[in-house]
Amino acid sequence: MKIQITDLSRMTRENELSKLFTPYGTVSSTTIVMDKKTRKSKGFAFVVMPDEKEALLAIKKLHKTKVNGQKMSVKKTMAKES
């Protein structure tokens, strides 16, 4: 399941997100979206967890968790319609 993290502190790094989500299950990938020009974080990221139950637990437990001084919003990514 792909998880979207918004309101993310721009100081947060991918390895920090991985460490936050790993206690709830396997993390396949972590991607912080960066500005192409400045190469700085845009303040949102995606985490992929293959097991849906683990992902839902991580969302429940980590939503509104304070990371680097800012409460992040964690939710399931909505599928794009084709």
C-alpha atoms as a PDB file:
ATOM      1  CA  MET A   1       0.000   0.000   0.000  1.00  0.00           C
ATOM      2  CA  LYS A   2       1.241   3.471  -0.854  1.00  0.00           C
ATOM      3  CA  ILE A   3       1.054   5.967   2.020  1.00  0.00           C
ATOM      4  CA  GLN A   4       1.151   9.737   1.597  1.00  0.00           C
ATOM      5  CA  ILE A   5       2.790  11.959   4.213  1.00  0.00           C
ATOM      6  CA  THR A   6       2.060  15.692   4.086  1.00  0.00           C
ATOM      7  CA  ASP A   7       2.907  18.609   6.379  1.00  0.00           C
ATOM      8  CA  LEU A   8       6.358  17.067   6.649  1.00  0.00           C
ATOM      9  CA  SER A   9       9.192  19.103   8.098  1.00  0.00           C
ATOM     10  CA  ARG A  10      11.587  20.026   5.319  1.00  0.00           C
ATOM     11  CA  MET A  11      14.424  18.822   7.575  1.00  0.00           C
ATOM     12  CA  THR A  12      13.105  15.229   7.597  1.00  0.00           C
ATOM     13  CA  ARG A  13      15.123  12.675   5.625  1.00  0.00           C
ATOM     14  CA  GLU A  14      14.093   9.381   3.998  1.00  0.00           C
ATOM     15  CA  ASN A  15      15.997   7.262   6.532  1.00  0.00           C
ATOM     16  CA  GLU A  16      14.083   8.966   9.377  1.00  0.00           C
ATOM     17  CA  LEU A  17      10.752   8.108   7.743  1.00  0.00           C
ATOM     18  CA  SER A  18      11.876   4.526   7.236  1.00  0.00           C
ATOM     19  CA  LYS A  19      12.770   4.257  10.930  1.00  0.00           C
ATOM     20  CA  LEU A  20       9.357   5.656  11.915  1.00  0.00           C
ATOM     21  CA  PHE A  21       7.390   3.186   9.768  1.00  0.00           C
ATOM     22  CA  THR A  22       9.521   0.030  10.230  1.00  0.00           C
ATOM     23  CA  PRO A  23       8.181  -0.824  13.731  1.00  0.00           C
ATOM     24  CA  TYR A  24       4.769  -1.367  12.093  1.00  0.00           C
ATOM     25  CA  GLY A  25       5.991  -3.646   9.306  1.00  0.00           C
ATOM     26  CA  THR A  26       8.057  -3.980   6.158  1.00  0.00           C
ATOM     27  CA  VAL A  27       8.836  -0.781   4.260  1.00  0.00           C
ATOM     28  CA  SER A  28       9.596  -1.342   0.545  1.00  0.00           C
ATOM     29  CA  SER A  29      10.435   2.253  -0.294  1.00  0.00           C
ATOM     30  CA  THR A  30      10.482   5.798   1.037  1.00  0.00           C
ATOM     31  CA  THR A  31      10.502   8.858  -1.225  1.00  0.00           C
ATOM     32  CA  ILE A  32      10.603  12.496  -0.175  1.00  0.00           C
ATOM     33  CA  VAL A  33       9.480  14.740  -3.034  1.00  0.00           C
ATOM     34  CA  MET A  34      12.154  17.328  -3.815  1.00  0.00           C
ATOM     35  CA  ASP A  35      12.017  20.610  -5.721  1.00  0.00           C
ATOM     36  CA  LYS A  36      13.926  20.121  -8.985  1.00  0.00           C
ATOM     37  CA  LYS A  37      15.515  23.587  -8.909  1.00  0.00           C
ATOM     38  CA  THR A  38      16.420  23.985  -5.237  1.00  0.00           C
ATOM     39  CA  ARG A  39      16.817  20.262  -4.450  1.00  0.00           C
ATOM     40  CA  LYS A  40      15.018  20.896  -1.161  1.00  0.00           C
ATOM     41  CA  SER A  41      12.077  18.966   0.240  1.00  0.00           C
ATOM     42  CA  LYS A  42       8.614  20.089  -0.835  1.00  0.00           C
ATOM     43  CA  GLY A  43       7.242  18.922   2.525  1.00  0.00           C
ATOM     44  CA  PHE A  44       5.590  15.685   1.441  1.00  0.00           C
ATOM     45  CA  ALA A  45       6.614  12.090   0.898  1.00  0.00           C
ATOM     46  CA  PHE A  46       5.462   8.584   0.044  1.00  0.00           C
ATOM     47  CA  VAL A  47       6.120   5.326   1.874  1.00  0.00           C
ATOM     48  CA  VAL A  48       5.279   1.930   0.387  1.00  0.00           C
ATOM     49  CA  MET A  49       4.395  -0.954   2.709  1.00  0.00           C
ATOM     50  CA  PRO A  50       3.438  -4.216   0.940  1.00  0.00           C
ATOM     51  CA  ASP A  51       1.188  -5.550   3.731  1.00  0.00           C
ATOM     52  CA  GLU A  52      -2.116  -3.641   3.914  1.00  0.00           C
ATOM     53  CA  LYS A  53      -2.770  -4.442   7.603  1.00  0.00           C
ATOM     54  CA  GLU A  54       0.687  -3.196   8.592  1.00  0.00           C
ATOM     55  CA  ALA A  55       0.238  -0.072   6.476  1.00  0.00           C
ATOM     56  CA  LEU A  56      -3.152   0.729   8.022  1.00  0.00           C
ATOM     57  CA  LEU A  57      -1.701   0.301  11.516  1.00  0.00           C
ATOM     58  CA  ALA A  58       1.202   2.624  10.647  1.00  0.00           C
ATOM     59  CA  ILE A  59      -1.253   5.230   9.330  1.00  0.00           C
ATOM     60  CA  LYS A  60      -3.344   5.003  12.501  1.00  0.00           C
ATOM     61  CA  LYS A  61      -0.353   5.233  14.840  1.00  0.00           C
ATOM     62  CA  LEU A  62       1.717   7.850  12.985  1.00  0.00           C
ATOM     63  CA  HIS A  63      -0.967  10.330  11.840  1.00  0.00           C
ATOM     64  CA  LYS A  64      -0.328  13.696  13.553  1.00  0.00           C
ATOM     65  CA  THR A  65       3.001  12.486  14.983  1.00  0.00           C
ATOM     66  CA  LYS A  66       5.452  15.326  15.559  1.00  0.00           C
ATOM     67  CA  VAL A  67       8.675  14.884  13.555  1.00  0.00           C
ATOM     68  CA  ASN A  68      11.383  17.547  13.592  1.00  0.00           C
ATOM     69  CA  GLY A  69       8.993  19.979  15.271  1.00  0.00           C
ATOM     70  CA  GLN A  70       6.075  19.543  12.863  1.00  0.00           C
ATOM     71  CA  LYS A  71       2.969  17.310  13.007  1.00  0.00           C
ATOM     72  CA  MET A  72       2.800  15.211   9.866  1.00  0.00           C
ATOM     73  CA  SER A  73      -0.405  14.034   8.234  1.00  0.00           C
ATOM     74  CA  VAL A  74      -0.367  10.357   7.214  1.00  0.00           C
ATOM     75  CA  LYS A  75      -2.995   8.766   4.958  1.00  0.00           C
ATOM     76  CA  LYS A  76      -3.572   6.113   2.338  1.00  0.00           C
ATOM     77  CA  THR A  77      -2.821   7.363  -1.171  1.00  0.00           C
ATOM     78  CA  MET A  78      -5.896   7.473  -3.347  1.00  0.00           C
ATOM     79  CA  ALA A  79      -5.641   5.537  -6.606  1.00  0.00           C
ATOM     80  CA  LYS A  80      -5.669   7.636  -9.760  1.00  0.00           C
ATOM     81  CA  GLU A  81      -8.554   7.018 -12.117  1.00  0.00           C
ATOM     82  CA  SER A  82      -7.581   6.261 -15.699  1.00  0.00           C
END
